[in-house]
Amino acid sequence: MQIRKGVSVVICCYNSERRLPETLQHLFQQKISSDIEWEIIIVDNASKDNTRRVAYDLYKVSGVAVPFSVISEIKPGLNYAREAGLHASQYEYLLWVDDDNWLVNDYVMNAFRIMESNLSIGMLGGVGEPVLEVKPPSWFDSFSIVYALGKQAPHSGEILNGYVYGAGATIRKSAWIKLIEAGFKSILTDRKGASLASGGDVELGDTMRLAGYKLWFDERLLFKHYLPKDRLSWNYLIRLAKGTGESGLSAAIFYFINRHPYLSVSKFRYLYDRRVLWLFTQIIKSPIALFRYFFFQEEEKYPSTFYVARTIALFTSSLKQRSFAVQAFKDICRLKQSLR
């Protein structure tokens, strides 16, 4: 299949009618060279509000000539919505834009140029800068990375040890299709309705690396990430901690595979069980932090609560998913063989 050169901007939405106007306005103001083709795809992921109608109304009054479509993905989950965007897209580069991401006006053009200049890049990330509805809480800077903010590497270039967060990420479509044809299936749903589970972006990046592609970061790719006051509450941050902990299975499996290239199933089981035990020791090593988590979880003056919440979620999900983890490990090993 011949994939056309260009950029498909994919915005996955769940009840996004209030957030879409500013996001689309920034997209409609993109300054793009006439030789670059692009499109905007809205994926309505089981919304219960007027996301579809609002999207079409905004496009109609915008006056821009860019191709625009709204598709539906009734199966809840950000990964399912992104896959729907993949199949609906026309172009080689998929630019994931969250419904609260405001791209600077040269973002689409720069993303295209960077991906075209280095065919080994499978996934490209930029810099998210916060736009806050209210004054930031005292703890905000310490946890900004969990909001997909800041640099993803010390400087522009290949990301050797980290990951590309999904907000503002550009994906090489032909590489993603290659992974799917080799047998790749995500083991995560990512965000689902009001759930704060995540990790689909990290999982795809790890799989890209498995296929020999690079993860890349470029400081020229700037976007604003709007955060309303409800996402700046301590309760929301703790929910984020639990969500990231519950989604850590894929990252753990890739960690073992990368450190032990010839890992057997029995050895994986052993290492996995050791990790579960290690997580338990991390939970109980600080009785004071554990006491604060259970009895003073709502108090913002204890940053350790975030880490305890995430570690407990990692531990409990790892314990529950032990059998599934072994099967997922086998699947990823088969995928690795298929990609050779």
C-alpha atoms as a PDB file:
ATOM      1  CA  MET A   1       0.000   0.000   0.000  1.00  0.00           C
ATOM      2  CA  GLN A   2       1.333   3.395  -1.024  1.00  0.00           C
ATOM      3  CA  ILE A   3       1.014   5.953   1.766  1.00  0.00           C
ATOM      4  CA  ARG A   4       0.901   9.591   0.679  1.00  0.00           C
ATOM      5  CA  LYS A   5       3.363  12.095   2.073  1.00  0.00           C
ATOM      6  CA  GLY A   6       1.719  14.508   4.465  1.00  0.00           C
ATOM      7  CA  VAL A   7       0.389  14.930   7.996  1.00  0.00           C
ATOM      8  CA  SER A   8      -2.812  13.553   9.473  1.00  0.00           C
ATOM      9  CA  VAL A   9      -3.664  15.427  12.668  1.00  0.00           C
ATOM     10  CA  VAL A  10      -5.652  13.061  14.896  1.00  0.00           C
ATOM     11  CA  ILE A  11      -7.608  14.477  17.851  1.00  0.00           C
ATOM     12  CA  CYS A  12      -9.135  11.790  20.058  1.00  0.00           C
ATOM     13  CA  CYS A  13     -12.107  13.126  21.977  1.00  0.00           C
ATOM     14  CA  TYR A  14     -14.246  12.084  24.901  1.00  0.00           C
ATOM     15  CA  ASN A  15     -16.814  14.719  25.906  1.00  0.00           C
ATOM     16  CA  SER A  16     -14.641  17.441  24.364  1.00  0.00           C
ATOM     17  CA  GLU A  17     -17.195  20.084  23.346  1.00  0.00           C
ATOM     18  CA  ARG A  18     -15.767  22.662  25.790  1.00  0.00           C
ATOM     19  CA  ARG A  19     -12.085  21.986  25.066  1.00  0.00           C
ATOM     20  CA  LEU A  20     -12.193  21.684  21.279  1.00  0.00           C
ATOM     21  CA  PRO A  21     -12.773  25.329  20.255  1.00  0.00           C
ATOM     22  CA  GLU A  22      -9.372  26.660  21.357  1.00  0.00           C
ATOM     23  CA  THR A  23      -7.556  23.523  20.182  1.00  0.00           C
ATOM     24  CA  LEU A  24      -9.083  23.691  16.711  1.00  0.00           C
ATOM     25  CA  GLN A  25      -8.561  27.442  16.490  1.00  0.00           C
ATOM     26  CA  HIS A  26      -4.799  26.901  16.880  1.00  0.00           C
ATOM     27  CA  LEU A  27      -4.888  24.184  14.242  1.00  0.00           C
ATOM     28  CA  PHE A  28      -6.804  26.388  11.817  1.00  0.00           C
ATOM     29  CA  GLN A  29      -4.041  29.004  12.207  1.00  0.00           C
ATOM     30  CA  GLN A  30      -1.225  26.656  11.169  1.00  0.00           C
ATOM     31  CA  LYS A  31       1.186  28.098   8.627  1.00  0.00           C
ATOM     32  CA  ILE A  32       2.047  25.287   6.275  1.00  0.00           C
ATOM     33  CA  SER A  33       4.041  25.301   3.057  1.00  0.00           C
ATOM     34  CA  SER A  34       1.913  24.677  -0.017  1.00  0.00           C
ATOM     35  CA  ASP A  35       3.901  21.528  -0.823  1.00  0.00           C
ATOM     36  CA  ILE A  36       2.772  19.803   2.416  1.00  0.00           C
ATOM     37  CA  GLU A  37      -0.581  18.039   2.372  1.00  0.00           C
ATOM     38  CA  TRP A  38      -2.447  17.604   5.648  1.00  0.00           C
ATOM     39  CA  GLU A  39      -5.814  16.821   7.174  1.00  0.00           C
ATOM     40  CA  ILE A  40      -7.620  16.962  10.510  1.00  0.00           C
ATOM     41  CA  ILE A  41      -9.406  13.894  11.880  1.00  0.00           C
ATOM     42  CA  ILE A  42     -11.598  14.098  14.987  1.00  0.00           C
ATOM     43  CA  VAL A  43     -12.173  10.718  16.628  1.00  0.00           C
ATOM     44  CA  ASP A  44     -15.295  10.798  18.785  1.00  0.00           C
ATOM     45  CA  ASN A  45     -14.586   8.078  21.359  1.00  0.00           C
ATOM     46  CA  ALA A  46     -18.040   7.309  22.771  1.00  0.00           C
ATOM     47  CA  SER A  47     -18.717  10.902  23.830  1.00  0.00           C
ATOM     48  CA  LYS A  48     -21.970  11.691  25.580  1.00  0.00           C
ATOM     49  CA  ASP A  49     -21.977  15.416  24.739  1.00  0.00           C
ATOM     50  CA  ASN A  50     -22.078  17.390  21.471  1.00  0.00           C
ATOM     51  CA  THR A  51     -18.431  16.853  20.484  1.00  0.00           C
ATOM     52  CA  ARG A  52     -19.301  15.856  16.895  1.00  0.00           C
ATOM     53  CA  ARG A  53     -21.622  18.793  16.225  1.00  0.00           C
ATOM     54  CA  VAL A  54     -19.286  21.316  17.861  1.00  0.00           C
ATOM     55  CA  ALA A  55     -16.352  20.059  15.765  1.00  0.00           C
ATOM     56  CA  TYR A  56     -18.272  20.412  12.502  1.00  0.00           C
ATOM     57  CA  ASP A  57     -19.647  23.839  13.447  1.00  0.00           C
ATOM     58  CA  LEU A  58     -16.167  25.136  14.271  1.00  0.00           C
ATOM     59  CA  TYR A  59     -14.816  23.889  10.963  1.00  0.00           C
ATOM     60  CA  LYS A  60     -17.659  25.406   8.952  1.00  0.00           C
ATOM     61  CA  VAL A  61     -17.054  28.912  10.292  1.00  0.00           C
ATOM     62  CA  SER A  62     -13.243  28.653  10.173  1.00  0.00           C
ATOM     63  CA  GLY A  63     -12.902  29.256   6.444  1.00  0.00           C
ATOM     64  CA  VAL A  64      -9.853  26.958   6.183  1.00  0.00           C
ATOM     65  CA  ALA A  65      -9.492  24.604   3.237  1.00  0.00           C
ATOM     66  CA  VAL A  66      -7.832  21.703   5.066  1.00  0.00           C
ATOM     67  CA  PRO A  67      -9.710  18.380   4.718  1.00  0.00           C
ATOM     68  CA  PHE A  68     -11.677  17.755   7.907  1.00  0.00           C
ATOM     69  CA  SER A  69     -13.561  14.697   9.114  1.00  0.00           C
ATOM     70  CA  VAL A  70     -15.206  13.363  12.261  1.00  0.00           C
ATOM     71  CA  ILE A  71     -15.255   9.610  12.789  1.00  0.00           C
ATOM     72  CA  SER A  72     -16.607   7.474  15.613  1.00  0.00           C
ATOM     73  CA  GLU A  73     -14.936   4.814  17.735  1.00  0.00           C
ATOM     74  CA  ILE A  74     -17.572   3.298  19.980  1.00  0.00           C
ATOM     75  CA  LYS A  75     -15.138   1.102  21.932  1.00  0.00           C
ATOM     76  CA  PRO A  76     -13.966   3.238  24.895  1.00  0.00           C
ATOM     77  CA  GLY A  77     -10.212   3.685  25.279  1.00  0.00           C
ATOM     78  CA  LEU A  78      -7.613   6.084  23.917  1.00  0.00           C
ATOM     79  CA  ASN A  79      -5.672   3.300  22.199  1.00  0.00           C
ATOM     80  CA  TYR A  80      -8.785   2.228  20.290  1.00  0.00           C
ATOM     81  CA  ALA A  81      -9.436   5.833  19.259  1.00  0.00           C
ATOM     82  CA  ARG A  82      -5.858   6.280  18.058  1.00  0.00           C
ATOM     83  CA  GLU A  83      -6.047   3.079  16.046  1.00  0.00           C
ATOM     84  CA  ALA A  84      -9.262   4.335  14.453  1.00  0.00           C
ATOM     85  CA  GLY A  85      -7.381   7.499  13.499  1.00  0.00           C
ATOM     86  CA  LEU A  86      -4.605   5.382  12.008  1.00  0.00           C
ATOM     87  CA  HIS A  87      -7.004   3.491   9.756  1.00  0.00           C
ATOM     88  CA  ALA A  88      -8.875   6.647   8.708  1.00  0.00           C
ATOM     89  CA  SER A  89      -5.733   8.655   7.902  1.00  0.00           C
ATOM     90  CA  GLN A  90      -4.419   9.383   4.428  1.00  0.00           C
ATOM     91  CA  TYR A  91      -0.858  10.423   5.231  1.00  0.00           C
ATOM     92  CA  GLU A  92       2.466   9.026   6.425  1.00  0.00           C
ATOM     93  CA  TYR A  93       2.745  11.127   9.580  1.00  0.00           C
ATOM     94  CA  LEU A  94       0.130  10.923  12.323  1.00  0.00           C
ATOM     95  CA  LEU A  95       0.188  13.869  14.690  1.00  0.00           C
ATOM     96  CA  TRP A  96      -1.577  13.095  17.957  1.00  0.00           C
ATOM     97  CA  VAL A  97      -3.147  16.243  19.399  1.00  0.00           C
ATOM     98  CA  ASP A  98      -5.043  16.011  22.668  1.00  0.00           C
ATOM     99  CA  ASP A  99      -8.232  18.032  22.905  1.00  0.00           C
ATOM    100  CA  ASP A 100      -6.468  20.488  25.236  1.00  0.00           C
ATOM    101  CA  ASN A 101      -3.252  20.944  23.195  1.00  0.00           C
ATOM    102  CA  TRP A 102      -2.726  24.292  21.450  1.00  0.00           C
ATOM    103  CA  LEU A 103      -0.046  23.936  18.787  1.00  0.00           C
ATOM    104  CA  VAL A 104       2.140  26.897  17.826  1.00  0.00           C
ATOM    105  CA  ASN A 105       1.505  27.865  14.220  1.00  0.00           C
ATOM    106  CA  ASP A 106       4.513  26.103  12.682  1.00  0.00           C
ATOM    107  CA  TYR A 107       4.140  22.816  14.566  1.00  0.00           C
ATOM    108  CA  VAL A 108       2.613  20.761  11.740  1.00  0.00           C
ATOM    109  CA  MET A 109       5.120  22.004   9.186  1.00  0.00           C
ATOM    110  CA  ASN A 110       8.111  21.445  11.481  1.00  0.00           C
ATOM    111  CA  ALA A 111       6.921  17.958  12.418  1.00  0.00           C
ATOM    112  CA  PHE A 112       6.702  17.056   8.745  1.00  0.00           C
ATOM    113  CA  ARG A 113      10.170  18.443   7.958  1.00  0.00           C
ATOM    114  CA  ILE A 114      11.810  16.672  10.909  1.00  0.00           C
ATOM    115  CA  MET A 115      10.247  13.295  10.101  1.00  0.00           C
ATOM    116  CA  GLU A 116      11.175  13.655   6.428  1.00  0.00           C
ATOM    117  CA  SER A 117      14.785  14.513   7.297  1.00  0.00           C
ATOM    118  CA  ASN A 118      15.386  11.284   9.246  1.00  0.00           C
ATOM    119  CA  LEU A 119      13.613   8.136   8.084  1.00  0.00           C
ATOM    120  CA  SER A 120      14.770   6.211  11.162  1.00  0.00           C
ATOM    121  CA  ILE A 121      12.475   8.238  13.448  1.00  0.00           C
ATOM    122  CA  GLY A 122       9.431   6.202  14.448  1.00  0.00           C
ATOM    123  CA  MET A 123       8.039   8.588  17.044  1.00  0.00           C
ATOM    124  CA  LEU A 124       8.729  12.291  17.551  1.00  0.00           C
ATOM    125  CA  GLY A 125       7.915  14.473  20.539  1.00  0.00           C
ATOM    126  CA  GLY A 126       7.919  18.163  21.358  1.00  0.00           C
ATOM    127  CA  VAL A 127       7.676  20.491  24.349  1.00  0.00           C
ATOM    128  CA  GLY A 128       4.466  21.028  26.269  1.00  0.00           C
ATOM    129  CA  GLU A 129       4.110  24.310  28.153  1.00  0.00           C
ATOM    130  CA  PRO A 130       1.353  24.771  30.742  1.00  0.00           C
ATOM    131  CA  VAL A 131      -1.547  27.170  30.480  1.00  0.00           C
ATOM    132  CA  LEU A 132      -3.323  27.024  33.820  1.00  0.00           C
ATOM    133  CA  GLU A 133      -6.852  28.151  34.628  1.00  0.00           C
ATOM    134  CA  VAL A 134      -5.844  28.948  38.205  1.00  0.00           C
ATOM    135  CA  LYS A 135      -2.649  29.628  40.111  1.00  0.00           C
ATOM    136  CA  PRO A 136      -0.536  26.441  40.234  1.00  0.00           C
ATOM    137  CA  PRO A 137      -0.355  24.569  43.532  1.00  0.00           C
ATOM    138  CA  SER A 138       2.978  24.435  45.331  1.00  0.00           C
ATOM    139  CA  TRP A 139       3.650  20.867  44.193  1.00  0.00           C
ATOM    140  CA  PHE A 140       2.926  21.439  40.483  1.00  0.00           C
ATOM    141  CA  ASP A 141       6.485  21.891  39.151  1.00  0.00           C
ATOM    142  CA  SER A 142       7.648  18.709  40.873  1.00  0.00           C
ATOM    143  CA  PHE A 143       5.024  16.624  39.086  1.00  0.00           C
ATOM    144  CA  SER A 144       4.662  18.492  35.773  1.00  0.00           C
ATOM    145  CA  ILE A 145       5.977  15.549  33.706  1.00  0.00           C
ATOM    146  CA  VAL A 146       2.888  13.482  34.553  1.00  0.00           C
ATOM    147  CA  TYR A 147       0.854  16.207  32.797  1.00  0.00           C
ATOM    148  CA  ALA A 148       2.876  15.751  29.563  1.00  0.00           C
ATOM    149  CA  LEU A 149       4.811  18.966  30.125  1.00  0.00           C
ATOM    150  CA  GLY A 150       8.415  19.959  29.605  1.00  0.00           C
ATOM    151  CA  LYS A 151      11.288  18.569  27.576  1.00  0.00           C
ATOM    152  CA  GLN A 152      11.474  14.855  26.902  1.00  0.00           C
ATOM    153  CA  ALA A 153      15.267  14.908  26.603  1.00  0.00           C
ATOM    154  CA  PRO A 154      18.071  17.314  27.613  1.00  0.00           C
ATOM    155  CA  HIS A 155      18.391  18.526  24.020  1.00  0.00           C
ATOM    156  CA  SER A 156      17.005  17.870  20.550  1.00  0.00           C
ATOM    157  CA  GLY A 157      17.906  14.473  19.135  1.00  0.00           C
ATOM    158  CA  GLU A 158      17.399  10.793  19.867  1.00  0.00           C
ATOM    159  CA  ILE A 159      15.785   9.800  23.154  1.00  0.00           C
ATOM    160  CA  LEU A 160      17.958   6.951  24.360  1.00  0.00           C
ATOM    161  CA  ASN A 161      16.441   6.027  27.706  1.00  0.00           C
ATOM    162  CA  GLY A 162      13.157   7.891  28.017  1.00  0.00           C
ATOM    163  CA  TYR A 163       9.922   7.931  26.087  1.00  0.00           C
ATOM    164  CA  VAL A 164       7.752  10.205  23.938  1.00  0.00           C
ATOM    165  CA  TYR A 165       4.536  11.262  25.640  1.00  0.00           C
ATOM    166  CA  GLY A 166       1.449  11.073  23.488  1.00  0.00           C
ATOM    167  CA  ALA A 167       0.485  14.755  23.581  1.00  0.00           C
ATOM    168  CA  GLY A 168       1.868  16.370  20.429  1.00  0.00           C
ATOM    169  CA  ALA A 169       3.588  13.157  19.284  1.00  0.00           C
ATOM    170  CA  THR A 170       4.162  12.436  15.593  1.00  0.00           C
ATOM    171  CA  ILE A 171       4.057   8.782  14.507  1.00  0.00           C
ATOM    172  CA  ARG A 172       5.435   7.237  11.311  1.00  0.00           C
ATOM    173  CA  LYS A 173       2.385   5.452   9.921  1.00  0.00           C
ATOM    174  CA  SER A 174       4.312   2.948   7.803  1.00  0.00           C
ATOM    175  CA  ALA A 175       6.279   1.901  10.900  1.00  0.00           C
ATOM    176  CA  TRP A 176       3.091   1.430  12.956  1.00  0.00           C
ATOM    177  CA  ILE A 177       1.512  -0.617  10.170  1.00  0.00           C
ATOM    178  CA  LYS A 178       4.675  -2.727   9.984  1.00  0.00           C
ATOM    179  CA  LEU A 179       4.313  -3.496  13.688  1.00  0.00           C
ATOM    180  CA  ILE A 180       0.645  -4.445  13.301  1.00  0.00           C
ATOM    181  CA  GLU A 181       1.397  -6.696  10.327  1.00  0.00           C
ATOM    182  CA  ALA A 182       4.101  -8.394  12.411  1.00  0.00           C
ATOM    183  CA  GLY A 183       1.534  -9.137  15.122  1.00  0.00           C
ATOM    184  CA  PHE A 184       1.651  -6.136  17.468  1.00  0.00           C
ATOM    185  CA  LYS A 185      -1.424  -5.750  19.660  1.00  0.00           C
ATOM    186  CA  SER A 186      -1.513  -3.276  22.500  1.00  0.00           C
ATOM    187  CA  ILE A 187      -2.038  -4.796  25.944  1.00  0.00           C
ATOM    188  CA  LEU A 188      -3.303  -1.449  27.294  1.00  0.00           C
ATOM    189  CA  THR A 189      -6.480   0.533  26.669  1.00  0.00           C
ATOM    190  CA  ASP A 190      -4.896   3.828  27.838  1.00  0.00           C
ATOM    191  CA  ARG A 191      -7.347   6.564  28.918  1.00  0.00           C
ATOM    192  CA  LYS A 192     -10.908   5.253  29.034  1.00  0.00           C
ATOM    193  CA  GLY A 193     -13.764   7.595  29.888  1.00  0.00           C
ATOM    194  CA  ALA A 194     -13.046   9.092  33.297  1.00  0.00           C
ATOM    195  CA  SER A 195     -10.282   6.558  33.995  1.00  0.00           C
ATOM    196  CA  LEU A 196      -6.738   7.940  34.234  1.00  0.00           C
ATOM    197  CA  ALA A 197      -4.994   4.758  33.134  1.00  0.00           C
ATOM    198  CA  SER A 198      -2.296   5.518  30.572  1.00  0.00           C
ATOM    199  CA  GLY A 199       0.811   4.095  28.945  1.00  0.00           C
ATOM    200  CA  GLY A 200      -0.261   3.497  25.345  1.00  0.00           C
ATOM    201  CA  ASP A 201       2.257   6.053  24.102  1.00  0.00           C
ATOM    202  CA  VAL A 202       5.111   4.437  26.056  1.00  0.00           C
ATOM    203  CA  GLU A 203       4.104   0.980  24.824  1.00  0.00           C
ATOM    204  CA  LEU A 204       4.093   2.055  21.166  1.00  0.00           C
ATOM    205  CA  GLY A 205       7.461   3.763  21.618  1.00  0.00           C
ATOM    206  CA  ASP A 206       8.990   0.646  23.164  1.00  0.00           C
ATOM    207  CA  THR A 207       7.657  -1.432  20.279  1.00  0.00           C
ATOM    208  CA  MET A 208       9.051   1.068  17.757  1.00  0.00           C
ATOM    209  CA  ARG A 209      12.472   0.607  19.330  1.00  0.00           C
ATOM    210  CA  LEU A 210      12.032  -3.156  19.109  1.00  0.00           C
ATOM    211  CA  ALA A 211      11.606  -2.746  15.343  1.00  0.00           C
ATOM    212  CA  GLY A 212      14.744  -0.621  15.061  1.00  0.00           C
ATOM    213  CA  TYR A 213      13.140   2.812  14.894  1.00  0.00           C
ATOM    214  CA  LYS A 214      14.290   5.765  16.977  1.00  0.00           C
ATOM    215  CA  LEU A 215      12.387   7.919  19.413  1.00  0.00           C
ATOM    216  CA  TRP A 216      13.195  11.581  18.833  1.00  0.00           C
ATOM    217  CA  PHE A 217      12.713  14.929  20.532  1.00  0.00           C
ATOM    218  CA  ASP A 218      12.867  18.384  18.989  1.00  0.00           C
ATOM    219  CA  GLU A 219      12.668  21.661  20.896  1.00  0.00           C
ATOM    220  CA  ARG A 220      11.153  23.460  17.900  1.00  0.00           C
ATOM    221  CA  LEU A 221       7.885  21.597  18.418  1.00  0.00           C
ATOM    222  CA  LEU A 222       6.058  23.737  20.964  1.00  0.00           C
ATOM    223  CA  PHE A 223       2.518  23.479  22.194  1.00  0.00           C
ATOM    224  CA  LYS A 224       0.476  24.815  25.078  1.00  0.00           C
ATOM    225  CA  HIS A 225      -1.260  22.323  27.338  1.00  0.00           C
ATOM    226  CA  TYR A 226      -4.354  23.813  28.925  1.00  0.00           C
ATOM    227  CA  LEU A 227      -5.115  22.537  32.427  1.00  0.00           C
ATOM    228  CA  PRO A 228      -8.402  23.498  34.091  1.00  0.00           C
ATOM    229  CA  LYS A 229      -8.611  23.867  37.839  1.00  0.00           C
ATOM    230  CA  ASP A 230     -10.069  20.399  38.427  1.00  0.00           C
ATOM    231  CA  ARG A 231      -6.893  18.830  37.003  1.00  0.00           C
ATOM    232  CA  LEU A 232      -4.766  20.882  39.361  1.00  0.00           C
ATOM    233  CA  SER A 233      -6.223  19.385  42.500  1.00  0.00           C
ATOM    234  CA  TRP A 234      -4.275  17.056  44.778  1.00  0.00           C
ATOM    235  CA  ASN A 235      -6.999  14.431  44.418  1.00  0.00           C
ATOM    236  CA  TYR A 236      -6.561  14.433  40.612  1.00  0.00           C
ATOM    237  CA  LEU A 237      -2.787  14.056  40.986  1.00  0.00           C
ATOM    238  CA  ILE A 238      -3.237  11.008  43.236  1.00  0.00           C
ATOM    239  CA  ARG A 239      -5.643   9.540  40.687  1.00  0.00           C
ATOM    240  CA  LEU A 240      -2.966  10.094  38.051  1.00  0.00           C
ATOM    241  CA  ALA A 241      -0.463   8.269  40.250  1.00  0.00           C
ATOM    242  CA  LYS A 242      -2.796   5.291  40.557  1.00  0.00           C
ATOM    243  CA  GLY A 243      -3.564   5.349  36.827  1.00  0.00           C
ATOM    244  CA  THR A 244       0.090   5.295  35.808  1.00  0.00           C
ATOM    245  CA  GLY A 245       0.753   2.524  38.321  1.00  0.00           C
ATOM    246  CA  GLU A 246      -2.074   0.383  36.982  1.00  0.00           C
ATOM    247  CA  SER A 247      -0.651   0.772  33.451  1.00  0.00           C
ATOM    248  CA  GLY A 248       2.929  -0.266  34.157  1.00  0.00           C
ATOM    249  CA  LEU A 249       2.781  -3.845  32.842  1.00  0.00           C
ATOM    250  CA  SER A 250       3.976  -3.151  29.307  1.00  0.00           C
ATOM    251  CA  ALA A 251       6.913  -1.001  30.451  1.00  0.00           C
ATOM    252  CA  ALA A 252       8.000  -3.717  32.899  1.00  0.00           C
ATOM    253  CA  ILE A 253       7.988  -6.421  30.209  1.00  0.00           C
ATOM    254  CA  PHE A 254      10.009  -4.301  27.790  1.00  0.00           C
ATOM    255  CA  TYR A 255      12.441  -3.447  30.592  1.00  0.00           C
ATOM    256  CA  PHE A 256      13.214  -7.135  31.118  1.00  0.00           C
ATOM    257  CA  ILE A 257      13.420  -7.873  27.384  1.00  0.00           C
ATOM    258  CA  ASN A 258      15.812  -4.987  26.767  1.00  0.00           C
ATOM    259  CA  ARG A 259      18.074  -5.942  29.676  1.00  0.00           C
ATOM    260  CA  HIS A 260      17.998  -9.667  28.880  1.00  0.00           C
ATOM    261  CA  PRO A 261      17.809 -10.187  25.082  1.00  0.00           C
ATOM    262  CA  TYR A 262      17.716 -14.015  25.356  1.00  0.00           C
ATOM    263  CA  LEU A 263      15.299 -14.234  28.260  1.00  0.00           C
ATOM    264  CA  SER A 264      13.442 -17.544  28.648  1.00  0.00           C
ATOM    265  CA  VAL A 265       9.866 -17.811  29.898  1.00  0.00           C
ATOM    266  CA  SER A 266      10.950 -19.414  33.168  1.00  0.00           C
ATOM    267  CA  LYS A 267      13.574 -16.720  33.743  1.00  0.00           C
ATOM    268  CA  PHE A 268      10.981 -14.036  32.975  1.00  0.00           C
ATOM    269  CA  ARG A 269       8.633 -15.537  35.588  1.00  0.00           C
ATOM    270  CA  TYR A 270      11.458 -15.469  38.113  1.00  0.00           C
ATOM    271  CA  LEU A 271      12.366 -11.836  37.362  1.00  0.00           C
ATOM    272  CA  TYR A 272       8.735 -10.789  37.326  1.00  0.00           C
ATOM    273  CA  ASP A 273       8.091 -12.352  40.738  1.00  0.00           C
ATOM    274  CA  ARG A 274      11.222 -10.697  42.101  1.00  0.00           C
ATOM    275  CA  ARG A 275       9.910  -7.378  40.847  1.00  0.00           C
ATOM    276  CA  VAL A 276       6.576  -7.930  42.610  1.00  0.00           C
ATOM    277  CA  LEU A 277       8.441  -8.686  45.818  1.00  0.00           C
ATOM    278  CA  TRP A 278      10.652  -5.617  45.339  1.00  0.00           C
ATOM    279  CA  LEU A 279       7.582  -3.417  44.869  1.00  0.00           C
ATOM    280  CA  PHE A 280       6.173  -4.738  48.123  1.00  0.00           C
ATOM    281  CA  THR A 281       9.406  -3.857  49.946  1.00  0.00           C
ATOM    282  CA  GLN A 282       9.218  -0.342  48.465  1.00  0.00           C
ATOM    283  CA  ILE A 283       5.734   0.060  49.915  1.00  0.00           C
ATOM    284  CA  ILE A 284       6.644  -0.999  53.444  1.00  0.00           C
ATOM    285  CA  LYS A 285      10.116   0.506  53.677  1.00  0.00           C
ATOM    286  CA  SER A 286       8.723   3.822  54.914  1.00  0.00           C
ATOM    287  CA  PRO A 287       6.004   3.221  57.531  1.00  0.00           C
ATOM    288  CA  ILE A 288       5.542   6.959  57.997  1.00  0.00           C
ATOM    289  CA  ALA A 289       4.852   7.548  54.272  1.00  0.00           C
ATOM    290  CA  LEU A 290       2.486   4.568  54.255  1.00  0.00           C
ATOM    291  CA  PHE A 291       0.673   5.890  57.329  1.00  0.00           C
ATOM    292  CA  ARG A 292       0.264   9.307  55.673  1.00  0.00           C
ATOM    293  CA  TYR A 293      -1.078   7.675  52.518  1.00  0.00           C
ATOM    294  CA  PHE A 294      -3.825   5.808  54.350  1.00  0.00           C
ATOM    295  CA  PHE A 295      -4.771   8.495  56.861  1.00  0.00           C
ATOM    296  CA  PHE A 296      -3.701  11.850  55.371  1.00  0.00           C
ATOM    297  CA  GLN A 297      -3.995  11.196  51.625  1.00  0.00           C
ATOM    298  CA  GLU A 298      -5.849  14.453  51.029  1.00  0.00           C
ATOM    299  CA  GLU A 299      -3.090  16.618  52.530  1.00  0.00           C
ATOM    300  CA  GLU A 300      -0.927  18.242  49.854  1.00  0.00           C
ATOM    301  CA  LYS A 301       2.057  18.793  52.135  1.00  0.00           C
ATOM    302  CA  TYR A 302       3.180  15.164  51.764  1.00  0.00           C
ATOM    303  CA  PRO A 303       4.610  14.618  48.225  1.00  0.00           C
ATOM    304  CA  SER A 304       5.546  11.056  49.169  1.00  0.00           C
ATOM    305  CA  THR A 305       1.835  10.197  48.951  1.00  0.00           C
ATOM    306  CA  PHE A 306       2.062  10.345  45.143  1.00  0.00           C
ATOM    307  CA  TYR A 307       4.868   7.791  45.018  1.00  0.00           C
ATOM    308  CA  VAL A 308       3.218   5.497  47.557  1.00  0.00           C
ATOM    309  CA  ALA A 309      -0.045   5.594  45.565  1.00  0.00           C
ATOM    310  CA  ARG A 310       1.751   4.756  42.330  1.00  0.00           C
ATOM    311  CA  THR A 311       3.808   1.963  43.902  1.00  0.00           C
ATOM    312  CA  ILE A 312       0.756   0.351  45.522  1.00  0.00           C
ATOM    313  CA  ALA A 313      -1.040   0.468  42.158  1.00  0.00           C
ATOM    314  CA  LEU A 314       2.005  -1.070  40.457  1.00  0.00           C
ATOM    315  CA  PHE A 315       2.182  -3.810  43.070  1.00  0.00           C
ATOM    316  CA  THR A 316      -1.509  -4.740  43.067  1.00  0.00           C
ATOM    317  CA  SER A 317      -1.822  -4.680  39.263  1.00  0.00           C
ATOM    318  CA  SER A 318       1.391  -6.706  38.863  1.00  0.00           C
ATOM    319  CA  LEU A 319       0.085  -9.305  41.316  1.00  0.00           C
ATOM    320  CA  LYS A 320      -3.273  -9.573  39.552  1.00  0.00           C
ATOM    321  CA  GLN A 321      -1.757  -9.711  36.070  1.00  0.00           C
ATOM    322  CA  ARG A 322       0.955 -12.315  36.660  1.00  0.00           C
ATOM    323  CA  SER A 323      -0.490 -14.914  34.260  1.00  0.00           C
ATOM    324  CA  PHE A 324      -1.369 -12.274  31.706  1.00  0.00           C
ATOM    325  CA  ALA A 325       2.168 -10.867  31.948  1.00  0.00           C
ATOM    326  CA  VAL A 326       3.670 -14.228  30.978  1.00  0.00           C
ATOM    327  CA  GLN A 327       1.417 -14.451  27.925  1.00  0.00           C
ATOM    328  CA  ALA A 328       2.197 -10.834  26.985  1.00  0.00           C
ATOM    329  CA  PHE A 329       5.919 -11.604  27.297  1.00  0.00           C
ATOM    330  CA  LYS A 330       5.538 -14.552  24.910  1.00  0.00           C
ATOM    331  CA  ASP A 331       3.619 -12.365  22.443  1.00  0.00           C
ATOM    332  CA  ILE A 332       6.268  -9.645  22.484  1.00  0.00           C
ATOM    333  CA  CYS A 333       9.027 -12.241  21.996  1.00  0.00           C
ATOM    334  CA  ARG A 334       7.160 -13.620  18.965  1.00  0.00           C
ATOM    335  CA  LEU A 335       6.763 -10.074  17.669  1.00  0.00           C
ATOM    336  CA  LYS A 336      10.494  -9.512  18.094  1.00  0.00           C
ATOM    337  CA  GLN A 337      11.197 -12.626  16.031  1.00  0.00           C
ATOM    338  CA  SER A 338       8.758 -11.519  13.310  1.00  0.00           C
ATOM    339  CA  LEU A 339      10.444  -8.135  13.041  1.00  0.00           C
ATOM    340  CA  ARG A 340      13.902  -9.574  12.375  1.00  0.00           C
END
